[in-house]
């Protein structure tokens, strides 16, 4: 039984309008409280349902959300060098030049008037003489003569009318014998350019 009914039964004549107003306000507040509680309950229920729906949606994946458009990785192809670049990239090989031995200058046989420098060698001069050096200096001619003597030749010096000293390595009566020794000396001492490598025959003028 509400408080309003109780007061109305026992003291209907003593309740003034002020108290009745207060009671009415309390009654209205109870209604508002009940209404507020109902609304909150409904909101909480709706919120729980929304959270459950979101949780299920997170667990169950939508097939439409699957990534199907995957772009494959493009790897750059190796760049091949062109023919000209390949030539440039190759290491430069050092060219080894083989030393070329100059061909000996072949001196033709010569006929000239000469005389023996040393009197002791006067009997050595014959018709065909193998010359292995010509010098304007007697000292240089002597050095070449001694070198040939050390090599086993019967060398000696002659001098022509122009003052040139000729180093005779060997002297023979026949051209054949002189030519054989001349060629042998050219072969043995091919590196001695200007002397033995260019040996030639001198025929004394009578």
N, C-alpha and C. Protein backbone atom coordinates (compact mmCIF):
# COMPACT_ATOMS: atom_id res chain seq x y z
N UNK A 1 0.85 -1.19 0.00
CA UNK A 1 0.00 0.00 0.00
C UNK A 1 0.88 1.22 0.00
N UNK A 2 0.60 2.20 -0.87
CA UNK A 2 1.41 3.41 -0.96
C UNK A 2 1.19 4.31 0.21
N UNK A 3 2.21 5.14 0.47
CA UNK A 3 2.16 6.10 1.60
C UNK A 3 1.05 7.09 1.44
N UNK A 4 0.69 7.39 0.22
CA UNK A 4 -0.40 8.37 -0.01
C UNK A 4 -1.73 7.84 0.49
N UNK A 5 -1.98 6.55 0.21
CA UNK A 5 -3.23 5.94 0.68
C UNK A 5 -3.29 5.85 2.20
N UNK A 6 -2.14 5.51 2.85
CA UNK A 6 -2.10 5.40 4.33
C UNK A 6 -2.44 6.72 4.97
N UNK A 7 -1.81 7.77 4.49
CA UNK A 7 -2.05 9.10 5.08
C UNK A 7 -3.49 9.53 4.83
N UNK A 8 -4.05 9.14 3.68
CA UNK A 8 -5.42 9.53 3.37
C UNK A 8 -6.41 8.84 4.30
N UNK A 9 -6.12 7.63 4.75
CA UNK A 9 -7.02 6.89 5.64
C UNK A 9 -7.02 7.48 7.04
N UNK A 10 -5.81 7.70 7.63
CA UNK A 10 -5.74 8.10 9.04
C UNK A 10 -5.90 9.59 9.26
N UNK A 11 -5.44 10.34 8.29
CA UNK A 11 -5.54 11.79 8.51
C UNK A 11 -5.91 12.50 7.25
N UNK A 12 -7.11 12.32 6.76
CA UNK A 12 -7.48 12.92 5.51
C UNK A 12 -7.65 14.42 5.62
N UNK A 13 -7.89 14.90 6.82
CA UNK A 13 -8.16 16.31 6.96
C UNK A 13 -6.95 17.12 7.34
N UNK A 14 -5.86 16.44 7.74
CA UNK A 14 -4.70 17.21 8.20
C UNK A 14 -3.61 17.34 7.15
N UNK A 15 -3.74 16.62 5.98
CA UNK A 15 -2.71 16.71 4.94
C UNK A 15 -2.92 17.98 4.17
N UNK A 16 -1.92 18.78 4.20
CA UNK A 16 -2.02 20.06 3.48
C UNK A 16 -1.50 19.89 2.07
N UNK A 17 -1.78 20.79 1.31
CA UNK A 17 -1.35 20.71 -0.10
C UNK A 17 0.16 20.62 -0.27
N UNK A 18 0.95 21.17 0.64
CA UNK A 18 2.42 21.15 0.50
C UNK A 18 2.94 19.74 0.58
N UNK A 19 2.44 19.00 1.59
CA UNK A 19 2.91 17.63 1.78
C UNK A 19 2.48 16.78 0.59
N UNK A 20 1.25 17.02 0.14
CA UNK A 20 0.78 16.26 -1.00
C UNK A 20 1.68 16.51 -2.22
N UNK A 21 2.18 17.71 -2.35
CA UNK A 21 3.08 18.02 -3.47
C UNK A 21 4.39 17.24 -3.38
N UNK A 22 4.88 17.15 -2.12
CA UNK A 22 6.14 16.41 -1.92
C UNK A 22 5.95 14.96 -2.26
N UNK A 23 4.80 14.38 -1.77
CA UNK A 23 4.52 12.96 -2.02
C UNK A 23 4.41 12.71 -3.53
N UNK A 24 3.79 13.67 -4.20
CA UNK A 24 3.63 13.51 -5.65
C UNK A 24 4.99 13.52 -6.36
N UNK A 25 5.87 14.40 -5.85
CA UNK A 25 7.22 14.48 -6.45
C UNK A 25 7.97 13.18 -6.25
N UNK A 26 7.86 12.58 -5.01
CA UNK A 26 8.56 11.33 -4.73
C UNK A 26 8.03 10.22 -5.63
N UNK A 27 6.68 10.23 -5.79
CA UNK A 27 6.08 9.21 -6.65
C UNK A 27 6.57 9.35 -8.09
N UNK A 28 6.64 10.62 -8.53
CA UNK A 28 7.14 10.82 -9.90
C UNK A 28 8.59 10.39 -10.05
N UNK A 29 9.40 10.65 -8.98
CA UNK A 29 10.82 10.27 -9.04
C UNK A 29 10.97 8.76 -9.12
N UNK A 30 10.11 8.01 -8.44
CA UNK A 30 10.18 6.55 -8.51
C UNK A 30 9.90 6.08 -9.92
N UNK A 31 8.91 6.75 -10.56
CA UNK A 31 8.60 6.37 -11.93
C UNK A 31 9.78 6.65 -12.85
N UNK A 32 10.39 7.84 -12.61
CA UNK A 32 11.55 8.19 -13.45
C UNK A 32 12.69 7.21 -13.23
N UNK A 33 12.90 6.77 -11.99
CA UNK A 33 13.98 5.83 -11.67
C UNK A 33 13.75 4.49 -12.37
N UNK A 34 12.45 4.03 -12.28
CA UNK A 34 12.14 2.77 -12.92
C UNK A 34 12.35 2.85 -14.44
N UNK A 35 11.92 4.00 -15.00
CA UNK A 35 12.08 4.16 -16.44
C UNK A 35 13.56 4.20 -16.83
N UNK A 36 14.36 4.90 -16.01
CA UNK A 36 15.79 5.00 -16.29
C UNK A 36 16.47 3.64 -16.20
N UNK A 37 16.05 2.86 -15.19
CA UNK A 37 16.64 1.53 -15.01
C UNK A 37 16.31 0.65 -16.20
N UNK A 38 15.07 0.77 -16.68
CA UNK A 38 14.67 -0.05 -17.83
C UNK A 38 15.49 0.30 -19.06
N UNK A 39 15.68 1.63 -19.29
CA UNK A 39 16.44 2.07 -20.46
C UNK A 39 17.88 1.58 -20.38
N UNK A 40 18.50 1.69 -19.20
CA UNK A 40 19.89 1.24 -19.02
C UNK A 40 20.04 -0.25 -19.28
N UNK A 41 19.00 -1.01 -18.79
CA UNK A 41 19.05 -2.46 -19.00
C UNK A 41 19.01 -2.79 -20.49
N UNK A 42 18.13 -2.08 -21.21
CA UNK A 42 18.04 -2.31 -22.64
C UNK A 42 19.34 -1.93 -23.37
N UNK A 43 19.93 -0.83 -22.96
CA UNK A 43 21.18 -0.39 -23.59
C UNK A 43 22.32 -1.38 -23.35
N UNK A 44 22.40 -1.90 -22.11
CA UNK A 44 23.45 -2.87 -21.78
C UNK A 44 23.28 -4.15 -22.58
N UNK A 45 22.01 -4.58 -22.70
CA UNK A 45 21.76 -5.79 -23.48
C UNK A 45 22.14 -5.60 -24.94
N UNK A 46 21.80 -4.42 -25.48
CA UNK A 46 22.14 -4.15 -26.87
C UNK A 46 23.66 -4.08 -27.08
N UNK A 47 24.34 -3.49 -26.08
CA UNK A 47 25.81 -3.38 -26.19
C UNK A 47 26.47 -4.75 -26.16
N UNK A 48 26.00 -5.63 -25.27
CA UNK A 48 26.58 -6.98 -25.19
C UNK A 48 26.38 -7.75 -26.49
N UNK A 49 25.17 -7.58 -27.07
CA UNK A 49 24.90 -8.27 -28.33
C UNK A 49 25.81 -7.76 -29.44
N UNK A 50 26.03 -6.44 -29.47
CA UNK A 50 26.91 -5.87 -30.51
C UNK A 50 28.34 -6.37 -30.35
N UNK A 51 28.83 -6.43 -29.08
CA UNK A 51 30.19 -6.94 -28.85
C UNK A 51 30.33 -8.40 -29.27
N UNK A 52 29.29 -9.21 -29.02
CA UNK A 52 29.33 -10.61 -29.42
C UNK A 52 29.37 -10.74 -30.93
N UNK A 53 28.58 -9.89 -31.61
CA UNK A 53 28.54 -9.94 -33.07
C UNK A 53 29.91 -9.55 -33.66
N UNK A 54 30.51 -8.53 -33.04
CA UNK A 54 31.83 -8.11 -33.52
C UNK A 54 32.87 -9.18 -33.28
N UNK A 55 32.79 -9.88 -32.15
CA UNK A 55 33.75 -10.94 -31.85
C UNK A 55 33.62 -12.08 -32.85
N UNK A 56 32.38 -12.45 -33.18
CA UNK A 56 32.16 -13.52 -34.15
C UNK A 56 32.65 -13.11 -35.53
N UNK A 57 32.42 -11.84 -35.83
CA UNK A 57 32.88 -11.37 -37.15
C UNK A 57 34.39 -11.39 -37.24
N UNK A 58 35.07 -11.12 -36.11
CA UNK A 58 36.53 -11.14 -36.11
C UNK A 58 37.07 -12.55 -36.26
N UNK A 59 36.30 -13.55 -35.69
CA UNK A 59 36.77 -14.93 -35.74
C UNK A 59 36.52 -15.54 -37.11
N UNK A 60 35.29 -15.33 -37.65
CA UNK A 60 34.93 -15.91 -38.94
C UNK A 60 35.32 -14.92 -40.03
N UNK A 61 36.26 -15.27 -40.84
CA UNK A 61 36.73 -14.38 -41.90
C UNK A 61 35.79 -14.43 -43.07
N UNK A 62 35.52 -13.29 -43.60
CA UNK A 62 34.67 -13.20 -44.78
C UNK A 62 35.49 -13.59 -46.00
N UNK A 63 35.03 -14.57 -46.80
CA UNK A 63 35.79 -14.97 -48.00
C UNK A 63 36.03 -13.81 -48.94
N UNK A 64 35.12 -12.84 -48.90
CA UNK A 64 35.30 -11.69 -49.80
C UNK A 64 36.48 -10.84 -49.40
N UNK A 65 36.89 -10.99 -48.10
CA UNK A 65 38.02 -10.19 -47.62
C UNK A 65 39.36 -10.81 -47.95
N UNK A 66 39.40 -12.03 -48.51
CA UNK A 66 40.67 -12.68 -48.82
C UNK A 66 41.39 -11.90 -49.92
N UNK A 67 42.71 -11.81 -49.77
CA UNK A 67 43.52 -11.11 -50.76
C UNK A 67 43.77 -12.03 -51.94
N UNK A 68 43.21 -11.67 -53.05
CA UNK A 68 43.37 -12.49 -54.26
C UNK A 68 44.28 -11.84 -55.27
N UNK A 69 44.40 -10.52 -55.20
CA UNK A 69 45.23 -9.80 -56.18
C UNK A 69 46.63 -9.62 -55.63
N UNK A 70 47.48 -10.63 -55.82
CA UNK A 70 48.86 -10.58 -55.34
C UNK A 70 49.77 -10.34 -56.52
N UNK A 71 50.45 -9.24 -56.49
CA UNK A 71 51.35 -8.89 -57.60
C UNK A 71 52.68 -9.62 -57.42
N UNK A 72 53.06 -10.48 -58.35
CA UNK A 72 54.34 -11.20 -58.20
C UNK A 72 55.51 -10.24 -58.24
N UNK A 73 56.58 -10.62 -57.53
CA UNK A 73 57.79 -9.78 -57.48
C UNK A 73 58.52 -9.91 -58.81
N UNK A 74 58.82 -8.77 -59.39
CA UNK A 74 59.52 -8.75 -60.67
C UNK A 74 61.02 -8.58 -60.41
N UNK A 75 61.79 -9.59 -60.77
CA UNK A 75 63.25 -9.52 -60.61
C UNK A 75 63.88 -8.99 -61.89
N UNK A 76 64.77 -8.05 -61.71
CA UNK A 76 65.43 -7.46 -62.88
C UNK A 76 66.35 -8.47 -63.53
N UNK A 77 66.26 -8.59 -64.85
CA UNK A 77 67.13 -9.50 -65.58
C UNK A 77 68.54 -8.94 -65.65
N UNK A 78 69.55 -9.81 -65.56
CA UNK A 78 70.93 -9.30 -65.65
C UNK A 78 71.18 -8.67 -67.00
N UNK A 79 71.83 -7.52 -66.95
CA UNK A 79 72.12 -6.78 -68.18
C UNK A 79 73.36 -7.36 -68.83
N UNK A 80 73.22 -7.80 -70.07
CA UNK A 80 74.37 -8.36 -70.79
C UNK A 80 75.14 -7.24 -71.46
N UNK A 81 76.45 -7.31 -71.30
CA UNK A 81 77.30 -6.27 -71.90
C UNK A 81 77.30 -6.43 -73.40
N UNK A 82 77.34 -5.32 -74.08
CA UNK A 82 77.42 -5.35 -75.53
C UNK A 82 78.81 -5.79 -75.96
N UNK A 83 78.95 -6.04 -77.25
CA UNK A 83 80.25 -6.53 -77.77
C UNK A 83 81.34 -5.52 -77.51
N UNK A 84 81.03 -4.22 -77.69
CA UNK A 84 82.07 -3.20 -77.48
C UNK A 84 82.45 -3.11 -76.02
N UNK A 85 81.42 -3.22 -75.11
CA UNK A 85 81.73 -3.16 -73.68
C UNK A 85 82.53 -4.37 -73.25
N UNK A 86 82.20 -5.54 -73.82
CA UNK A 86 82.94 -6.75 -73.46
C UNK A 86 84.40 -6.62 -73.82
N UNK A 87 84.66 -5.98 -74.93
CA UNK A 87 86.05 -5.79 -75.34
C UNK A 87 86.76 -4.88 -74.37
N UNK A 88 86.06 -3.82 -73.90
CA UNK A 88 86.68 -2.88 -72.98
C UNK A 88 86.96 -3.52 -71.64
N UNK A 89 86.02 -4.41 -71.19
CA UNK A 89 86.17 -5.02 -69.89
C UNK A 89 87.26 -6.08 -69.85
N UNK A 90 87.66 -6.59 -70.95
CA UNK A 90 88.70 -7.61 -70.95
C UNK A 90 90.04 -7.01 -70.54
N UNK A 91 90.77 -7.72 -69.69
CA UNK A 91 92.08 -7.20 -69.29
C UNK A 91 93.02 -7.05 -70.47
N UNK A 92 93.74 -5.97 -70.46
CA UNK A 92 94.67 -5.70 -71.55
C UNK A 92 95.90 -6.59 -71.38
N UNK A 93 96.13 -7.41 -72.36
CA UNK A 93 97.27 -8.32 -72.31
C UNK A 93 98.53 -7.61 -72.80
N UNK A 94 99.55 -7.79 -72.01
CA UNK A 94 100.82 -7.15 -72.35
C UNK A 94 101.44 -7.86 -73.55
N UNK A 95 101.74 -7.10 -74.54
CA UNK A 95 102.36 -7.67 -75.73
C UNK A 95 103.87 -7.77 -75.53
N UNK A 96 104.33 -8.99 -75.63
CA UNK A 96 105.76 -9.24 -75.47
C UNK A 96 106.38 -9.28 -76.85
N UNK A 97 107.21 -8.33 -77.09
CA UNK A 97 107.86 -8.27 -78.40
C UNK A 97 109.15 -9.07 -78.39
N UNK A 98 109.22 -9.97 -79.32
CA UNK A 98 110.44 -10.77 -79.45
C UNK A 98 111.51 -9.94 -80.14
N UNK A 99 112.64 -9.82 -79.49
CA UNK A 99 113.71 -9.02 -80.13
C UNK A 99 114.10 -9.59 -81.49
N UNK A 100 114.13 -8.73 -82.43
CA UNK A 100 114.45 -9.15 -83.80
C UNK A 100 115.93 -8.86 -84.07
N UNK A 101 116.64 -9.90 -84.42
CA UNK A 101 118.06 -9.74 -84.75
C UNK A 101 118.17 -9.23 -86.18
N UNK A 102 118.74 -8.06 -86.33
CA UNK A 102 118.84 -7.50 -87.69
C UNK A 102 119.67 -8.40 -88.59
N UNK A 103 119.21 -8.49 -89.80
CA UNK A 103 119.95 -9.31 -90.77
C UNK A 103 121.31 -8.66 -91.06
N UNK A 104 122.34 -9.46 -91.09
CA UNK A 104 123.67 -8.89 -91.33
C UNK A 104 123.79 -8.27 -92.72
N UNK A 105 124.51 -7.19 -92.77
CA UNK A 105 124.75 -6.54 -94.05
C UNK A 105 125.83 -7.32 -94.79
N UNK A 106 125.45 -7.83 -95.92
CA UNK A 106 126.41 -8.64 -96.69
C UNK A 106 127.31 -7.70 -97.49
N UNK A 107 128.59 -7.77 -97.16
CA UNK A 107 129.57 -6.93 -97.86
C UNK A 107 130.18 -7.76 -98.99
N UNK A 108 130.11 -7.22 -100.16
CA UNK A 108 130.64 -7.94 -101.32
C UNK A 108 132.17 -7.98 -101.28
N UNK A 109 132.69 -8.93 -101.97
CA UNK A 109 134.16 -9.02 -102.06
C UNK A 109 134.70 -7.70 -102.63
N UNK A 110 135.88 -7.36 -102.13
CA UNK A 110 136.46 -6.08 -102.56
C UNK A 110 137.92 -6.29 -102.95
N UNK A 111 138.30 -5.58 -104.00
CA UNK A 111 139.70 -5.60 -104.45
C UNK A 111 140.30 -4.22 -104.20
N UNK A 112 141.37 -4.19 -103.44
CA UNK A 112 142.04 -2.91 -103.17
C UNK A 112 143.52 -3.14 -102.86
N UNK A 113 144.29 -2.06 -102.99
CA UNK A 113 145.72 -2.14 -102.73
C UNK A 113 145.96 -1.96 -101.24
N UNK A 114 146.61 -2.95 -100.60
CA UNK A 114 146.88 -2.91 -99.16
C UNK A 114 148.32 -3.36 -98.91
N UNK A 115 148.78 -3.08 -97.73
CA UNK A 115 150.08 -3.60 -97.29
C UNK A 115 149.97 -4.03 -95.84
N UNK A 116 150.84 -4.96 -95.47
CA UNK A 116 150.83 -5.52 -94.12
C UNK A 116 151.42 -4.50 -93.16
N UNK A 117 150.74 -4.30 -92.00
CA UNK A 117 151.18 -3.28 -91.03
C UNK A 117 152.44 -3.74 -90.31
N UNK A 118 152.45 -4.93 -89.80
CA UNK A 118 153.62 -5.43 -89.07
C UNK A 118 154.50 -6.26 -90.01
N UNK A 119 155.78 -5.95 -90.00
CA UNK A 119 156.72 -6.65 -90.89
C UNK A 119 156.75 -8.15 -90.64
N UNK A 120 156.50 -8.53 -89.41
CA UNK A 120 156.55 -9.95 -89.07
C UNK A 120 155.43 -10.74 -89.71
N UNK A 121 154.37 -10.02 -90.18
CA UNK A 121 153.22 -10.71 -90.79
C UNK A 121 153.23 -10.62 -92.32
N UNK A 122 154.34 -10.16 -92.87
CA UNK A 122 154.37 -9.93 -94.33
C UNK A 122 154.13 -11.19 -95.15
N UNK A 123 154.52 -12.33 -94.63
CA UNK A 123 154.34 -13.57 -95.37
C UNK A 123 152.95 -14.16 -95.24
N UNK A 124 152.09 -13.54 -94.46
CA UNK A 124 150.75 -14.11 -94.23
C UNK A 124 149.73 -13.69 -95.30
N UNK A 125 149.97 -12.58 -95.96
CA UNK A 125 148.98 -12.07 -96.91
C UNK A 125 148.94 -12.93 -98.18
N UNK A 126 147.78 -13.45 -98.53
CA UNK A 126 147.60 -14.30 -99.72
C UNK A 126 146.51 -13.73 -100.63
N UNK A 127 146.05 -14.53 -101.56
CA UNK A 127 145.13 -14.02 -102.58
C UNK A 127 143.71 -13.73 -102.10
N UNK A 128 143.23 -14.43 -101.04
CA UNK A 128 141.85 -14.24 -100.55
C UNK A 128 141.88 -14.15 -99.02
N UNK A 129 141.46 -12.99 -98.52
CA UNK A 129 141.59 -12.71 -97.09
C UNK A 129 140.20 -12.43 -96.47
N UNK A 130 139.96 -13.06 -95.32
CA UNK A 130 138.68 -12.87 -94.62
C UNK A 130 138.81 -11.67 -93.68
N UNK A 131 138.06 -10.59 -93.98
CA UNK A 131 138.14 -9.37 -93.17
C UNK A 131 137.01 -9.39 -92.12
N UNK A 132 137.37 -9.15 -90.85
CA UNK A 132 136.39 -9.17 -89.74
C UNK A 132 136.36 -7.82 -89.01
N UNK A 133 136.73 -6.76 -89.70
CA UNK A 133 136.65 -5.45 -89.06
C UNK A 133 137.47 -4.43 -89.79
N UNK A 134 136.94 -3.19 -89.89
CA UNK A 134 137.66 -2.08 -90.51
C UNK A 134 137.61 -0.90 -89.55
N UNK A 135 138.75 -0.30 -89.25
CA UNK A 135 138.83 0.76 -88.25
C UNK A 135 139.74 1.89 -88.74
N UNK A 136 139.39 3.08 -88.34
CA UNK A 136 140.26 4.21 -88.62
C UNK A 136 141.32 4.34 -87.56
N UNK A 137 141.06 3.73 -86.38
CA UNK A 137 142.02 3.76 -85.27
C UNK A 137 142.81 2.45 -85.24
N UNK A 138 144.13 2.59 -85.15
CA UNK A 138 144.96 1.39 -85.08
C UNK A 138 144.72 0.63 -83.78
N UNK A 139 144.46 1.36 -82.69
CA UNK A 139 144.22 0.72 -81.39
C UNK A 139 143.01 -0.20 -81.44
N UNK A 140 141.92 0.31 -82.03
CA UNK A 140 140.72 -0.51 -82.15
C UNK A 140 140.95 -1.72 -83.06
N UNK A 141 141.75 -1.50 -84.09
CA UNK A 141 142.07 -2.61 -84.99
C UNK A 141 142.89 -3.67 -84.28
N UNK A 142 143.83 -3.22 -83.44
CA UNK A 142 144.65 -4.16 -82.68
C UNK A 142 143.80 -4.97 -81.70
N UNK A 143 142.83 -4.31 -81.08
CA UNK A 143 141.96 -5.02 -80.12
C UNK A 143 141.16 -6.12 -80.82
N UNK A 144 140.66 -5.80 -81.99
CA UNK A 144 139.90 -6.81 -82.74
C UNK A 144 140.81 -7.95 -83.21
N UNK A 145 142.03 -7.60 -83.62
CA UNK A 145 142.98 -8.63 -84.05
C UNK A 145 143.28 -9.58 -82.90
N UNK A 146 143.54 -9.03 -81.70
CA UNK A 146 143.86 -9.88 -80.54
C UNK A 146 142.67 -10.77 -80.15
N UNK A 147 141.47 -10.23 -80.29
CA UNK A 147 140.27 -11.04 -79.98
C UNK A 147 140.20 -12.27 -80.89
N UNK A 148 140.49 -12.06 -82.18
CA UNK A 148 140.43 -13.17 -83.11
C UNK A 148 141.55 -14.18 -82.88
N UNK A 149 142.73 -13.66 -82.47
CA UNK A 149 143.83 -14.58 -82.16
C UNK A 149 143.45 -15.46 -80.98
N UNK A 150 142.81 -14.85 -79.98
CA UNK A 150 142.37 -15.63 -78.80
C UNK A 150 141.32 -16.67 -79.18
N UNK A 151 140.62 -16.45 -80.26
CA UNK A 151 139.61 -17.40 -80.73
C UNK A 151 140.23 -18.51 -81.61
N UNK A 152 141.54 -18.40 -81.86
CA UNK A 152 142.20 -19.46 -82.60
C UNK A 152 142.52 -19.13 -84.04
N UNK A 153 142.36 -17.87 -84.43
CA UNK A 153 142.65 -17.49 -85.83
C UNK A 153 144.04 -16.84 -85.92
N UNK A 154 144.67 -16.94 -87.08
CA UNK A 154 145.98 -16.32 -87.32
C UNK A 154 145.74 -14.90 -87.88
N UNK A 155 145.21 -14.05 -87.02
CA UNK A 155 144.80 -12.71 -87.46
C UNK A 155 146.01 -11.77 -87.57
N UNK A 156 145.89 -10.78 -88.46
CA UNK A 156 146.92 -9.74 -88.61
C UNK A 156 146.24 -8.51 -89.24
N UNK A 157 146.98 -7.40 -89.34
CA UNK A 157 146.43 -6.15 -89.85
C UNK A 157 147.03 -5.78 -91.19
N UNK A 158 146.18 -5.21 -92.05
CA UNK A 158 146.64 -4.59 -93.29
C UNK A 158 146.03 -3.19 -93.34
N UNK A 159 146.66 -2.33 -94.18
CA UNK A 159 146.18 -0.96 -94.28
C UNK A 159 146.05 -0.57 -95.75
N UNK A 160 144.93 0.10 -96.08
CA UNK A 160 144.75 0.48 -97.49
C UNK A 160 145.24 1.92 -97.73
N UNK A 161 145.08 2.38 -98.95
CA UNK A 161 145.58 3.71 -99.33
C UNK A 161 144.78 4.84 -98.67
N UNK A 162 143.57 4.52 -98.18
CA UNK A 162 142.74 5.55 -97.52
C UNK A 162 143.04 5.66 -96.04
N UNK A 163 143.95 4.78 -95.54
CA UNK A 163 144.32 4.83 -94.13
C UNK A 163 143.46 3.97 -93.23
N UNK A 164 142.61 3.14 -93.82
CA UNK A 164 141.76 2.24 -93.02
C UNK A 164 142.50 0.96 -92.69
N UNK A 165 142.37 0.54 -91.45
CA UNK A 165 142.98 -0.70 -90.98
C UNK A 165 141.97 -1.85 -91.15
N UNK A 166 142.41 -2.88 -91.85
CA UNK A 166 141.57 -4.06 -92.03
C UNK A 166 142.12 -5.19 -91.15
N UNK A 167 141.19 -5.85 -90.42
CA UNK A 167 141.59 -6.98 -89.58
C UNK A 167 141.35 -8.26 -90.39
N UNK A 168 142.46 -8.94 -90.69
CA UNK A 168 142.37 -10.19 -91.46
C UNK A 168 142.33 -11.36 -90.48
N UNK A 169 141.23 -12.14 -90.50
CA UNK A 169 141.12 -13.29 -89.60
C UNK A 169 141.88 -14.49 -90.17
N UNK A 170 141.86 -14.64 -91.49
CA UNK A 170 142.54 -15.77 -92.14
C UNK A 170 142.76 -15.43 -93.60
N UNK A 171 143.84 -16.02 -94.17
CA UNK A 171 144.20 -15.73 -95.56
C UNK A 171 144.41 -17.05 -96.29
N UNK A 172 143.87 -17.15 -97.54
CA UNK A 172 143.93 -18.40 -98.29
C UNK A 172 144.32 -18.13 -99.74
N UNK A 173 144.78 -19.21 -100.38
CA UNK A 173 145.14 -19.12 -101.78
C UNK A 173 143.94 -19.31 -102.70
N UNK A 174 142.87 -19.93 -102.21
CA UNK A 174 141.69 -20.17 -103.05
C UNK A 174 140.46 -19.46 -102.48
N UNK A 175 139.56 -19.08 -103.38
CA UNK A 175 138.32 -18.42 -102.96
C UNK A 175 137.44 -19.39 -102.16
N UNK A 176 137.43 -20.67 -102.56
CA UNK A 176 136.56 -21.64 -101.89
C UNK A 176 136.89 -21.76 -100.41
N UNK A 177 138.18 -21.87 -100.10
CA UNK A 177 138.60 -22.01 -98.70
C UNK A 177 138.27 -20.74 -97.91
N UNK A 178 138.52 -19.59 -98.53
CA UNK A 178 138.26 -18.32 -97.85
C UNK A 178 136.76 -18.12 -97.61
N UNK A 179 135.95 -18.49 -98.62
CA UNK A 179 134.49 -18.34 -98.49
C UNK A 179 133.95 -19.24 -97.39
N UNK A 180 134.46 -20.45 -97.25
CA UNK A 180 134.00 -21.38 -96.21
C UNK A 180 134.26 -20.81 -94.81
N UNK A 181 135.48 -20.27 -94.59
CA UNK A 181 135.79 -19.69 -93.28
C UNK A 181 134.96 -18.42 -93.04
N UNK A 182 134.79 -17.64 -94.09
CA UNK A 182 133.99 -16.41 -93.94
C UNK A 182 132.57 -16.74 -93.46
N UNK A 183 131.95 -17.74 -94.10
CA UNK A 183 130.58 -18.11 -93.72
C UNK A 183 130.52 -18.70 -92.32
N UNK A 184 131.55 -19.43 -91.96
CA UNK A 184 131.61 -20.02 -90.61
C UNK A 184 131.70 -18.92 -89.54
N UNK A 185 132.52 -17.91 -89.81
CA UNK A 185 132.64 -16.79 -88.86
C UNK A 185 131.32 -16.01 -88.75
N UNK A 186 130.68 -15.78 -89.88
CA UNK A 186 129.38 -15.08 -89.86
C UNK A 186 128.37 -15.83 -88.99
N UNK A 187 128.35 -17.15 -89.09
CA UNK A 187 127.40 -17.96 -88.33
C UNK A 187 127.72 -17.97 -86.84
N UNK A 188 129.01 -18.13 -86.51
CA UNK A 188 129.40 -18.22 -85.10
C UNK A 188 129.21 -16.90 -84.34
N UNK A 189 129.49 -15.80 -85.02
CA UNK A 189 129.49 -14.50 -84.34
C UNK A 189 128.46 -13.55 -84.99
N UNK A 190 127.25 -14.08 -85.15
CA UNK A 190 126.20 -13.34 -85.85
C UNK A 190 125.78 -12.07 -85.11
N UNK A 191 126.01 -12.03 -83.79
CA UNK A 191 125.60 -10.85 -83.02
C UNK A 191 126.61 -9.72 -83.07
N UNK A 192 127.78 -9.97 -83.59
CA UNK A 192 128.83 -8.95 -83.63
C UNK A 192 128.69 -8.12 -84.91
N UNK A 193 127.63 -7.30 -84.92
CA UNK A 193 127.37 -6.48 -86.09
C UNK A 193 128.51 -5.48 -86.32
N UNK A 194 128.91 -5.37 -87.55
CA UNK A 194 129.98 -4.44 -87.91
C UNK A 194 131.35 -5.09 -87.97
N UNK A 195 131.44 -6.30 -87.43
CA UNK A 195 132.75 -7.00 -87.48
C UNK A 195 132.56 -8.40 -88.05
N UNK A 196 132.50 -9.41 -87.15
CA UNK A 196 132.44 -10.79 -87.61
C UNK A 196 131.15 -11.13 -88.36
N UNK A 197 130.02 -10.55 -87.91
CA UNK A 197 128.75 -10.86 -88.56
C UNK A 197 128.72 -10.38 -90.00
N UNK A 198 129.60 -9.44 -90.32
CA UNK A 198 129.64 -8.89 -91.69
C UNK A 198 130.98 -9.18 -92.37
N UNK A 199 131.52 -10.34 -92.04
CA UNK A 199 132.82 -10.72 -92.63
C UNK A 199 132.73 -10.75 -94.15
N UNK A 200 133.81 -10.34 -94.79
CA UNK A 200 133.83 -10.30 -96.25
C UNK A 200 135.23 -10.63 -96.75
N UNK A 201 135.37 -10.79 -98.06
CA UNK A 201 136.67 -11.19 -98.64
C UNK A 201 137.36 -9.99 -99.28
N UNK A 202 138.63 -9.90 -98.96
CA UNK A 202 139.50 -8.86 -99.57
C UNK A 202 140.50 -9.54 -100.52
N UNK A 203 140.50 -9.03 -101.73
CA UNK A 203 141.46 -9.55 -102.73
C UNK A 203 142.49 -8.44 -103.00
N UNK A 204 143.72 -8.66 -102.57
CA UNK A 204 144.75 -7.61 -102.73
C UNK A 204 144.99 -7.28 -104.22
N UNK A 205 145.12 -6.00 -104.46
CA UNK A 205 145.43 -5.57 -105.84
C UNK A 205 146.93 -5.63 -106.05
N UNK A 206 147.37 -6.29 -107.12
CA UNK A 206 148.80 -6.45 -107.36
C UNK A 206 149.35 -5.30 -108.16
